[in-house]
Amino acid sequence: MKLYRYLTGPDDVSFCKRISAALNKGWELHGGPTLTYDADKKRVVCGQAIVKEVDGTYSDDTVLSDY
C-alpha cells in the first residue's frame, strides 16, 4: 500500500529534523514544500508531503507515524 503524510510546522530546525527523520525511515518527498505566513504568531509555516510504499492493506486504524 502507499501511505501519504503531510507534515507541517514552523520554518525552523525542528521541522527540518522531522523531515530528515522521515526520509531516513524510508519516506520520500512528494512534490515541493509549501510555505505560508501565520500573522497571529508572526512566523513562517512549512508543509511537505511525503509518501511510502509498505506491505499490508490500509485501514482507518493504520497509524502513519508507525512507519
PDB file of N, CA and C in Angstrom:
ATOM      1  N   MET A   1       0.843  -1.173   0.000  1.00  0.00           N
ATOM      2  CA  MET A   1       0.000   0.000   0.000  1.00  0.00           C
ATOM      3  C   MET A   1       0.883   1.229   0.000  1.00  0.00           C
ATOM      4  N   LYS A   2       0.360   2.304  -0.500  1.00  0.00           N
ATOM      5  CA  LYS A   2       1.089   3.568  -0.494  1.00  0.00           C
ATOM      6  C   LYS A   2       0.505   4.444   0.604  1.00  0.00           C
ATOM      7  N   LEU A   3       1.389   4.941   1.460  1.00  0.00           N
ATOM      8  CA  LEU A   3       0.985   5.835   2.541  1.00  0.00           C
ATOM      9  C   LEU A   3       1.336   7.269   2.182  1.00  0.00           C
ATOM     10  N   TYR A   4       0.548   8.189   2.669  1.00  0.00           N
ATOM     11  CA  TYR A   4       0.733   9.616   2.402  1.00  0.00           C
ATOM     12  C   TYR A   4       0.646  10.369   3.724  1.00  0.00           C
ATOM     13  N   ARG A   5       1.575  11.269   3.932  1.00  0.00           N
ATOM     14  CA  ARG A   5       1.532  12.157   5.101  1.00  0.00           C
ATOM     15  C   ARG A   5       1.837  13.572   4.628  1.00  0.00           C
ATOM     16  N   TYR A   6       1.301  14.517   5.350  1.00  0.00           N
ATOM     17  CA  TYR A   6       1.615  15.926   5.098  1.00  0.00           C
ATOM     18  C   TYR A   6       2.074  16.515   6.425  1.00  0.00           C
ATOM     19  N   LEU A   7       3.367  16.771   6.507  1.00  0.00           N
ATOM     20  CA  LEU A   7       3.949  17.305   7.734  1.00  0.00           C
ATOM     21  C   LEU A   7       3.962  18.826   7.669  1.00  0.00           C
ATOM     22  N   THR A   8       3.623  19.462   8.769  1.00  0.00           N
ATOM     23  CA  THR A   8       3.645  20.917   8.845  1.00  0.00           C
ATOM     24  C   THR A   8       4.331  21.352  10.133  1.00  0.00           C
ATOM     25  N   GLY A   9       4.810  22.567  10.125  1.00  0.00           N
ATOM     26  CA  GLY A   9       5.421  23.119  11.327  1.00  0.00           C
ATOM     27  C   GLY A   9       6.099  24.428  11.031  1.00  0.00           C
ATOM     28  N   PRO A  10       6.557  25.096  12.080  1.00  0.00           N
ATOM     29  CA  PRO A  10       7.270  26.368  11.891  1.00  0.00           C
ATOM     30  C   PRO A  10       8.531  26.144  11.054  1.00  0.00           C
ATOM     31  N   ASP A  11       8.914  27.154  10.306  1.00  0.00           N
ATOM     32  CA  ASP A  11      10.112  27.088   9.470  1.00  0.00           C
ATOM     33  C   ASP A  11      11.334  27.233  10.369  1.00  0.00           C
ATOM     34  N   ASP A  12      11.723  26.112  10.975  1.00  0.00           N
ATOM     35  CA  ASP A  12      12.889  26.120  11.858  1.00  0.00           C
ATOM     36  C   ASP A  12      13.595  24.771  11.779  1.00  0.00           C
ATOM     37  N   VAL A  13      14.633  24.621  12.571  1.00  0.00           N
ATOM     38  CA  VAL A  13      15.434  23.402  12.523  1.00  0.00           C
ATOM     39  C   VAL A  13      14.623  22.172  12.931  1.00  0.00           C
ATOM     40  N   SER A  14      13.647  22.326  13.811  1.00  0.00           N
ATOM     41  CA  SER A  14      12.867  21.158  14.235  1.00  0.00           C
ATOM     42  C   SER A  14      12.047  20.586  13.081  1.00  0.00           C
ATOM     43  N   PHE A  15      11.541  21.453  12.206  1.00  0.00           N
ATOM     44  CA  PHE A  15      10.804  20.970  11.039  1.00  0.00           C
ATOM     45  C   PHE A  15      11.742  20.199  10.109  1.00  0.00           C
ATOM     46  N   CYS A  16      12.917  20.738   9.868  1.00  0.00           N
ATOM     47  CA  CYS A  16      13.898  20.054   9.017  1.00  0.00           C
ATOM     48  C   CYS A  16      14.292  18.708   9.610  1.00  0.00           C
ATOM     49  N   LYS A  17      14.418  18.633  10.927  1.00  0.00           N
ATOM     50  CA  LYS A  17      14.758  17.371  11.577  1.00  0.00           C
ATOM     51  C   LYS A  17      13.634  16.352  11.426  1.00  0.00           C
ATOM     52  N   ARG A  18      12.386  16.786  11.501  1.00  0.00           N
ATOM     53  CA  ARG A  18      11.254  15.874  11.309  1.00  0.00           C
ATOM     54  C   ARG A  18      11.247  15.294   9.905  1.00  0.00           C
ATOM     55  N   ILE A  19      11.505  16.147   8.912  1.00  0.00           N
ATOM     56  CA  ILE A  19      11.562  15.673   7.526  1.00  0.00           C
ATOM     57  C   ILE A  19      12.735  14.717   7.356  1.00  0.00           C
ATOM     58  N   SER A  20      13.895  15.073   7.888  1.00  0.00           N
ATOM     59  CA  SER A  20      15.080  14.209   7.787  1.00  0.00           C
ATOM     60  C   SER A  20      14.830  12.853   8.436  1.00  0.00           C
ATOM     61  N   ALA A  21      14.188  12.846   9.591  1.00  0.00           N
ATOM     62  CA  ALA A  21      13.879  11.590  10.273  1.00  0.00           C
ATOM     63  C   ALA A  21      12.958  10.722   9.415  1.00  0.00           C
ATOM     64  N   ALA A  22      11.964  11.330   8.800  1.00  0.00           N
ATOM     65  CA  ALA A  22      11.043  10.581   7.934  1.00  0.00           C
ATOM     66  C   ALA A  22      11.779  10.021   6.721  1.00  0.00           C
ATOM     67  N   LEU A  23      12.647  10.805   6.107  1.00  0.00           N
ATOM     68  CA  LEU A  23      13.412  10.337   4.958  1.00  0.00           C
ATOM     69  C   LEU A  23      14.289   9.147   5.348  1.00  0.00           C
ATOM     70  N   ASN A  24      14.842   9.191   6.532  1.00  0.00           N
ATOM     71  CA  ASN A  24      15.700   8.101   6.994  1.00  0.00           C
ATOM     72  C   ASN A  24      14.910   6.861   7.398  1.00  0.00           C
ATOM     73  N   LYS A  25      13.593   6.983   7.516  1.00  0.00           N
ATOM     74  CA  LYS A  25      12.732   5.826   7.759  1.00  0.00           C
ATOM     75  C   LYS A  25      12.139   5.293   6.455  1.00  0.00           C
ATOM     76  N   GLY A  26      12.602   5.821   5.321  1.00  0.00           N
ATOM     77  CA  GLY A  26      12.164   5.312   4.033  1.00  0.00           C
ATOM     78  C   GLY A  26      11.070   6.115   3.341  1.00  0.00           C
ATOM     79  N   TRP A  27      10.587   7.182   3.970  1.00  0.00           N
ATOM     80  CA  TRP A  27       9.605   8.044   3.319  1.00  0.00           C
ATOM     81  C   TRP A  27      10.308   8.821   2.215  1.00  0.00           C
ATOM     82  N   GLU A  28       9.559   9.240   1.195  1.00  0.00           N
ATOM     83  CA  GLU A  28      10.105  10.030   0.088  1.00  0.00           C
ATOM     84  C   GLU A  28       9.322  11.314  -0.052  1.00  0.00           C
ATOM     85  N   LEU A  29      10.017  12.365  -0.474  1.00  0.00           N
ATOM     86  CA  LEU A  29       9.337  13.634  -0.707  1.00  0.00           C
ATOM     87  C   LEU A  29       8.346  13.479  -1.846  1.00  0.00           C
ATOM     88  N   HIS A  30       7.218  14.127  -1.728  1.00  0.00           N
ATOM     89  CA  HIS A  30       6.185  14.103  -2.765  1.00  0.00           C
ATOM     90  C   HIS A  30       5.863  15.558  -3.115  1.00  0.00           C
ATOM     91  N   GLY A  31       6.445  16.025  -4.216  1.00  0.00           N
ATOM     92  CA  GLY A  31       6.259  17.429  -4.588  1.00  0.00           C
ATOM     93  C   GLY A  31       7.159  18.328  -3.767  1.00  0.00           C
ATOM     94  N   GLY A  32       6.990  19.600  -3.988  1.00  0.00           N
ATOM     95  CA  GLY A  32       7.814  20.581  -3.290  1.00  0.00           C
ATOM     96  C   GLY A  32       7.181  21.030  -1.987  1.00  0.00           C
ATOM     97  N   PRO A  33       7.966  21.704  -1.162  1.00  0.00           N
ATOM     98  CA  PRO A  33       7.434  22.216   0.087  1.00  0.00           C
ATOM     99  C   PRO A  33       6.508  23.405  -0.154  1.00  0.00           C
ATOM    100  N   THR A  34       5.672  23.673   0.830  1.00  0.00           N
ATOM    101  CA  THR A  34       4.817  24.858   0.786  1.00  0.00           C
ATOM    102  C   THR A  34       5.171  25.744   1.965  1.00  0.00           C
ATOM    103  N   LEU A  35       4.943  27.025   1.794  1.00  0.00           N
ATOM    104  CA  LEU A  35       5.200  27.995   2.861  1.00  0.00           C
ATOM    105  C   LEU A  35       4.019  28.943   2.961  1.00  0.00           C
ATOM    106  N   THR A  36       3.698  29.330   4.177  1.00  0.00           N
ATOM    107  CA  THR A  36       2.682  30.343   4.399  1.00  0.00           C
ATOM    108  C   THR A  36       3.096  31.148   5.617  1.00  0.00           C
ATOM    109  N   TYR A  37       2.497  32.293   5.784  1.00  0.00           N
ATOM    110  CA  TYR A  37       2.835  33.143   6.914  1.00  0.00           C
ATOM    111  C   TYR A  37       1.681  33.173   7.897  1.00  0.00           C
ATOM    112  N   ASP A  38       1.966  32.862   9.154  1.00  0.00           N
ATOM    113  CA  ASP A  38       0.986  32.920  10.231  1.00  0.00           C
ATOM    114  C   ASP A  38       1.115  34.295  10.883  1.00  0.00           C
ATOM    115  N   ALA A  39       0.208  35.206  10.519  1.00  0.00           N
ATOM    116  CA  ALA A  39       0.278  36.590  11.006  1.00  0.00           C
ATOM    117  C   ALA A  39       0.056  36.671  12.512  1.00  0.00           C
ATOM    118  N   ASP A  40      -0.766  35.790  13.063  1.00  0.00           N
ATOM    119  CA  ASP A  40      -1.017  35.815  14.511  1.00  0.00           C
ATOM    120  C   ASP A  40       0.246  35.484  15.303  1.00  0.00           C
ATOM    121  N   LYS A  41       0.979  34.473  14.842  1.00  0.00           N
ATOM    122  CA  LYS A  41       2.197  34.063  15.547  1.00  0.00           C
ATOM    123  C   LYS A  41       3.459  34.706  14.969  1.00  0.00           C
ATOM    124  N   LYS A  42       3.280  35.453  13.874  1.00  0.00           N
ATOM    125  CA  LYS A  42       4.379  36.165  13.218  1.00  0.00           C
ATOM    126  C   LYS A  42       5.533  35.222  12.864  1.00  0.00           C
ATOM    127  N   ARG A  43       5.183  34.129  12.138  1.00  0.00           N
ATOM    128  CA  ARG A  43       6.202  33.173  11.719  1.00  0.00           C
ATOM    129  C   ARG A  43       5.771  32.482  10.427  1.00  0.00           C
ATOM    130  N   VAL A  44       6.761  31.958   9.729  1.00  0.00           N
ATOM    131  CA  VAL A  44       6.524  31.190   8.510  1.00  0.00           C
ATOM    132  C   VAL A  44       6.256  29.740   8.904  1.00  0.00           C
ATOM    133  N   VAL A  45       5.271  29.129   8.254  1.00  0.00           N
ATOM    134  CA  VAL A  45       4.918  27.733   8.489  1.00  0.00           C
ATOM    135  C   VAL A  45       5.198  26.954   7.206  1.00  0.00           C
ATOM    136  N   CYS A  46       5.890  25.815   7.342  1.00  0.00           N
ATOM    137  CA  CYS A  46       6.240  24.949   6.213  1.00  0.00           C
ATOM    138  C   CYS A  46       5.306  23.754   6.160  1.00  0.00           C
ATOM    139  N   GLY A  47       5.178  23.197   4.977  1.00  0.00           N
ATOM    140  CA  GLY A  47       4.466  21.934   4.786  1.00  0.00           C
ATOM    141  C   GLY A  47       5.198  21.117   3.752  1.00  0.00           C
ATOM    142  N   GLN A  48       5.224  19.804   3.957  1.00  0.00           N
ATOM    143  CA  GLN A  48       5.866  18.915   2.990  1.00  0.00           C
ATOM    144  C   GLN A  48       5.110  17.593   2.957  1.00  0.00           C
ATOM    145  N   ALA A  49       4.692  17.188   1.763  1.00  0.00           N
ATOM    146  CA  ALA A  49       4.055  15.892   1.582  1.00  0.00           C
ATOM    147  C   ALA A  49       5.136  14.835   1.447  1.00  0.00           C
ATOM    148  N   ILE A  50       4.884  13.662   2.064  1.00  0.00           N
ATOM    149  CA  ILE A  50       5.795  12.526   1.949  1.00  0.00           C
ATOM    150  C   ILE A  50       4.962  11.269   1.691  1.00  0.00           C
ATOM    151  N   VAL A  51       5.565  10.299   0.996  1.00  0.00           N
ATOM    152  CA  VAL A  51       4.889   9.043   0.671  1.00  0.00           C
ATOM    153  C   VAL A  51       5.832   7.876   0.951  1.00  0.00           C
ATOM    154  N   LYS A  52       5.206   6.697   1.139  1.00  0.00           N
ATOM    155  CA  LYS A  52       5.997   5.494   1.388  1.00  0.00           C
ATOM    156  C   LYS A  52       5.198   4.271   0.966  1.00  0.00           C
ATOM    157  N   GLU A  53       5.853   3.347   0.261  1.00  0.00           N
ATOM    158  CA  GLU A  53       5.262   2.062  -0.106  1.00  0.00           C
ATOM    159  C   GLU A  53       5.591   1.061   0.991  1.00  0.00           C
ATOM    160  N   VAL A  54       4.561   0.384   1.520  1.00  0.00           N
ATOM    161  CA  VAL A  54       4.758  -0.626   2.556  1.00  0.00           C
ATOM    162  C   VAL A  54       3.848  -1.823   2.270  1.00  0.00           C
ATOM    163  N   ASP A  55       4.151  -2.940   2.877  1.00  0.00           N
ATOM    164  CA  ASP A  55       3.295  -4.121   2.771  1.00  0.00           C
ATOM    165  C   ASP A  55       2.035  -3.910   3.595  1.00  0.00           C
ATOM    166  N   GLY A  56       1.001  -4.637   3.249  1.00  0.00           N
ATOM    167  CA  GLY A  56      -0.219  -4.593   4.030  1.00  0.00           C
ATOM    168  C   GLY A  56      -1.348  -3.904   3.304  1.00  0.00           C
ATOM    169  N   THR A  57      -2.450  -3.774   4.011  1.00  0.00           N
ATOM    170  CA  THR A  57      -3.650  -3.150   3.488  1.00  0.00           C
ATOM    171  C   THR A  57      -4.034  -1.988   4.385  1.00  0.00           C
ATOM    172  N   TYR A  58      -4.339  -0.875   3.798  1.00  0.00           N
ATOM    173  CA  TYR A  58      -4.700   0.312   4.567  1.00  0.00           C
ATOM    174  C   TYR A  58      -6.058   0.141   5.240  1.00  0.00           C
ATOM    175  N   SER A  59      -6.166   0.652   6.441  1.00  0.00           N
ATOM    176  CA  SER A  59      -7.444   0.761   7.139  1.00  0.00           C
ATOM    177  C   SER A  59      -7.422   2.039   7.962  1.00  0.00           C
ATOM    178  N   ASP A  60      -8.561   2.420   8.485  1.00  0.00           N
ATOM    179  CA  ASP A  60      -8.639   3.626   9.316  1.00  0.00           C
ATOM    180  C   ASP A  60      -7.817   3.499  10.590  1.00  0.00           C
ATOM    181  N   ASP A  61      -7.452   2.281  10.964  1.00  0.00           N
ATOM    182  CA  ASP A  61      -6.637   2.055  12.152  1.00  0.00           C
ATOM    183  C   ASP A  61      -5.139   2.178  11.894  1.00  0.00           C
ATOM    184  N   THR A  62      -4.744   2.357  10.617  1.00  0.00           N
ATOM    185  CA  THR A  62      -3.336   2.494  10.273  1.00  0.00           C
ATOM    186  C   THR A  62      -2.775   3.757  10.916  1.00  0.00           C
ATOM    187  N   VAL A  63      -1.691   3.604  11.662  1.00  0.00           N
ATOM    188  CA  VAL A  63      -1.022   4.740  12.314  1.00  0.00           C
ATOM    189  C   VAL A  63       0.180   5.110  11.457  1.00  0.00           C
ATOM    190  N   LEU A  64       0.065   6.194  10.724  1.00  0.00           N
ATOM    191  CA  LEU A  64       1.101   6.563   9.758  1.00  0.00           C
ATOM    192  C   LEU A  64       2.454   6.806  10.415  1.00  0.00           C
ATOM    193  N   SER A  65       2.461   7.342  11.602  1.00  0.00           N
ATOM    194  CA  SER A  65       3.736   7.628  12.268  1.00  0.00           C
ATOM    195  C   SER A  65       4.462   6.355  12.700  1.00  0.00           C
ATOM    196  N   ASP A  66       3.790   5.196  12.663  1.00  0.00           N
ATOM    197  CA  ASP A  66       4.459   3.933  12.984  1.00  0.00           C
ATOM    198  C   ASP A  66       5.363   3.469  11.857  1.00  0.00           C
ATOM    199  N   TYR A  67       5.223   4.051  10.691  1.00  0.00           N
ATOM    200  CA  TYR A  67       6.024   3.636   9.542  1.00  0.00           C
ATOM    201  C   TYR A  67       7.168   4.574   9.365  1.00  0.00           C
TER     202      TYR A  67
END
